[in-house]
Amino acid sequence: MIDFETELKKFHPSLELKDAEEAIGQHDLADMIDLIVKTVKEGETSEPVEPVVVEQVMIEE
C-alpha cells in the first residue's frame, strides 16, 4: 500500500523554466560546434598529413 505522507515528504517540485535554465547554464558543457572548432584548431597546429589514395574497384553484378 502507498503511504502518501511518506511520498509527499520525498516530493521535490520541478524547477521553473528560468531556474532550470540557470541550473543548466552553470555547467560548462561542450556542444558539437565547440568540438568542431577545437578539432579544426588542433588540425591547424599539427603537421600536415599525406593524403591517402584509395583505389576504387567496380564490382559487376
Foldseek 3Di string as FASTA:
>chain_A
DDDVVVVVVVDDDDDDPVVVCVVVVVDDDDDPVNVVVVVVVVQVPDDDDDDDDDDDDDDDD
